[in-house]
Amino acid sequence: MVIRKMERDDIAACADILCTVYNNEMWQCRWTDRTATECLTDFFEGKKFVGYVLEDGS
């Protein structure tokens, strides 16, 4: 496993994860790929944002 700083190319994969995690009975969210991508892009473009991703490698 590798933890590294998030890059713009990671946004789509992170949006997929966001949708998978929150679109369920417990959270009752209705994220779409588009809204999740837009939200994460807004965070990513924030002046002080620092994000990290974990790459499993499998």
N, C-alpha and C. Protein backbone atom coordinates (compact mmCIF):
# COMPACT_ATOMS: atom_id res chain seq x y z
N MET A 1 0.84 -1.18 0.00
CA MET A 1 0.00 0.00 0.00
C MET A 1 0.87 1.24 0.00
N VAL A 2 0.38 2.25 -0.69
CA VAL A 2 1.09 3.53 -0.78
C VAL A 2 0.10 4.65 -0.45
N ILE A 3 0.48 5.56 0.42
CA ILE A 3 -0.29 6.77 0.67
C ILE A 3 0.46 7.91 0.00
N ARG A 4 -0.27 8.66 -0.81
CA ARG A 4 0.36 9.77 -1.53
C ARG A 4 -0.59 10.95 -1.60
N LYS A 5 -0.05 12.10 -1.96
CA LYS A 5 -0.84 13.31 -2.08
C LYS A 5 -1.81 13.16 -3.26
N MET A 6 -3.02 13.63 -3.07
CA MET A 6 -4.05 13.55 -4.10
C MET A 6 -3.70 14.44 -5.28
N GLU A 7 -3.98 13.93 -6.48
CA GLU A 7 -3.79 14.69 -7.71
C GLU A 7 -5.15 14.86 -8.40
N ARG A 8 -5.24 15.81 -9.31
CA ARG A 8 -6.49 16.08 -10.02
C ARG A 8 -7.03 14.80 -10.69
N ASP A 9 -6.16 13.97 -11.20
CA ASP A 9 -6.58 12.73 -11.87
C ASP A 9 -7.26 11.74 -10.92
N ASP A 10 -7.14 11.94 -9.62
CA ASP A 10 -7.75 11.05 -8.63
C ASP A 10 -9.20 11.39 -8.34
N ILE A 11 -9.66 12.55 -8.79
CA ILE A 11 -11.00 13.01 -8.42
C ILE A 11 -12.09 12.03 -8.86
N ALA A 12 -12.02 11.52 -10.06
CA ALA A 12 -13.07 10.60 -10.55
C ALA A 12 -13.17 9.34 -9.69
N ALA A 13 -12.02 8.76 -9.36
CA ALA A 13 -12.03 7.54 -8.52
C ALA A 13 -12.55 7.86 -7.12
N CYS A 14 -12.16 9.01 -6.59
CA CYS A 14 -12.64 9.41 -5.26
C CYS A 14 -14.14 9.69 -5.29
N ALA A 15 -14.64 10.25 -6.38
CA ALA A 15 -16.08 10.49 -6.52
C ALA A 15 -16.84 9.16 -6.54
N ASP A 16 -16.30 8.16 -7.20
CA ASP A 16 -16.92 6.83 -7.20
C ASP A 16 -17.00 6.27 -5.79
N ILE A 17 -15.93 6.44 -5.04
CA ILE A 17 -15.90 5.95 -3.65
C ILE A 17 -16.93 6.70 -2.82
N LEU A 18 -17.00 8.02 -2.98
CA LEU A 18 -17.96 8.83 -2.23
C LEU A 18 -19.38 8.32 -2.49
N CYS A 19 -19.72 8.08 -3.75
CA CYS A 19 -21.05 7.59 -4.09
C CYS A 19 -21.30 6.21 -3.47
N THR A 20 -20.33 5.34 -3.55
CA THR A 20 -20.48 3.99 -3.01
C THR A 20 -20.70 4.01 -1.49
N VAL A 21 -19.98 4.87 -0.81
CA VAL A 21 -20.05 4.91 0.66
C VAL A 21 -21.34 5.57 1.15
N TYR A 22 -21.74 6.69 0.55
CA TYR A 22 -22.85 7.47 1.10
C TYR A 22 -24.21 7.19 0.50
N ASN A 23 -24.29 6.56 -0.66
CA ASN A 23 -25.60 6.26 -1.25
C ASN A 23 -26.10 4.92 -0.73
N ASN A 24 -26.57 4.93 0.50
CA ASN A 24 -27.09 3.72 1.11
C ASN A 24 -28.19 4.09 2.12
N GLU A 25 -28.78 3.10 2.74
CA GLU A 25 -29.87 3.35 3.70
C GLU A 25 -29.41 4.13 4.91
N MET A 26 -28.22 3.85 5.39
CA MET A 26 -27.75 4.52 6.60
C MET A 26 -27.60 6.03 6.41
N TRP A 27 -26.97 6.44 5.31
CA TRP A 27 -26.72 7.86 5.06
C TRP A 27 -27.85 8.51 4.29
N GLN A 28 -28.56 7.74 3.50
CA GLN A 28 -29.68 8.21 2.69
C GLN A 28 -29.32 9.41 1.81
N CYS A 29 -28.14 9.38 1.23
CA CYS A 29 -27.69 10.43 0.31
C CYS A 29 -28.03 10.03 -1.12
N ARG A 30 -28.03 10.99 -1.99
CA ARG A 30 -28.34 10.75 -3.40
C ARG A 30 -27.26 11.39 -4.28
N TRP A 31 -26.01 11.05 -4.02
CA TRP A 31 -24.91 11.57 -4.82
C TRP A 31 -24.95 10.97 -6.22
N THR A 32 -24.67 11.78 -7.21
CA THR A 32 -24.46 11.28 -8.57
C THR A 32 -22.96 11.44 -8.85
N ASP A 33 -22.49 10.79 -9.91
CA ASP A 33 -21.08 10.97 -10.27
C ASP A 33 -20.77 12.44 -10.50
N ARG A 34 -21.72 13.13 -11.12
CA ARG A 34 -21.50 14.55 -11.43
C ARG A 34 -21.42 15.40 -10.16
N THR A 35 -22.37 15.24 -9.24
CA THR A 35 -22.35 16.07 -8.04
C THR A 35 -21.15 15.74 -7.16
N ALA A 36 -20.79 14.47 -7.08
CA ALA A 36 -19.63 14.09 -6.28
C ALA A 36 -18.35 14.66 -6.88
N THR A 37 -18.23 14.59 -8.20
CA THR A 37 -17.05 15.14 -8.88
C THR A 37 -16.97 16.64 -8.70
N GLU A 38 -18.10 17.32 -8.83
CA GLU A 38 -18.11 18.78 -8.64
C GLU A 38 -17.72 19.17 -7.22
N CYS A 39 -18.25 18.46 -6.25
CA CYS A 39 -17.95 18.74 -4.85
C CYS A 39 -16.46 18.52 -4.56
N LEU A 40 -15.94 17.38 -4.98
CA LEU A 40 -14.53 17.09 -4.75
C LEU A 40 -13.61 18.04 -5.50
N THR A 41 -14.02 18.46 -6.68
CA THR A 41 -13.23 19.43 -7.44
C THR A 41 -13.19 20.76 -6.71
N ASP A 42 -14.32 21.18 -6.14
CA ASP A 42 -14.34 22.41 -5.35
C ASP A 42 -13.36 22.33 -4.18
N PHE A 43 -13.37 21.21 -3.47
CA PHE A 43 -12.41 21.03 -2.37
C PHE A 43 -10.98 21.06 -2.91
N PHE A 44 -10.73 20.30 -3.96
CA PHE A 44 -9.39 20.16 -4.52
C PHE A 44 -8.82 21.52 -4.93
N GLU A 45 -9.65 22.37 -5.48
CA GLU A 45 -9.19 23.67 -5.95
C GLU A 45 -9.08 24.70 -4.84
N GLY A 46 -9.49 24.31 -3.62
CA GLY A 46 -9.37 25.22 -2.48
C GLY A 46 -7.91 25.55 -2.20
N LYS A 47 -7.67 26.78 -1.82
CA LYS A 47 -6.31 27.29 -1.64
C LYS A 47 -5.51 26.47 -0.62
N LYS A 48 -6.14 26.03 0.44
CA LYS A 48 -5.41 25.33 1.50
C LYS A 48 -5.69 23.83 1.56
N PHE A 49 -6.37 23.30 0.54
CA PHE A 49 -6.70 21.88 0.54
C PHE A 49 -5.47 21.01 0.34
N VAL A 50 -5.39 19.97 1.15
CA VAL A 50 -4.39 18.92 0.96
C VAL A 50 -5.14 17.61 1.14
N GLY A 51 -5.14 16.77 0.11
CA GLY A 51 -5.82 15.49 0.18
C GLY A 51 -4.83 14.36 -0.05
N TYR A 52 -5.18 13.20 0.44
CA TYR A 52 -4.33 12.02 0.28
C TYR A 52 -5.17 10.86 -0.23
N VAL A 53 -4.54 9.99 -0.97
CA VAL A 53 -5.18 8.77 -1.43
C VAL A 53 -4.32 7.57 -1.01
N LEU A 54 -4.99 6.46 -0.82
CA LEU A 54 -4.30 5.21 -0.50
C LEU A 54 -4.43 4.32 -1.71
N GLU A 55 -3.30 3.85 -2.22
CA GLU A 55 -3.31 2.92 -3.35
C GLU A 55 -3.00 1.53 -2.79
N ASP A 56 -3.93 0.62 -3.03
CA ASP A 56 -3.82 -0.74 -2.52
C ASP A 56 -2.79 -1.55 -3.31
N GLY A 57 -2.75 -1.36 -4.62
CA GLY A 57 -1.79 -2.06 -5.44
C GLY A 57 -2.23 -3.45 -5.85
N SER A 58 -3.44 -3.87 -5.50
CA SER A 58 -3.88 -5.21 -5.91
C SER A 58 -4.80 -5.16 -7.08
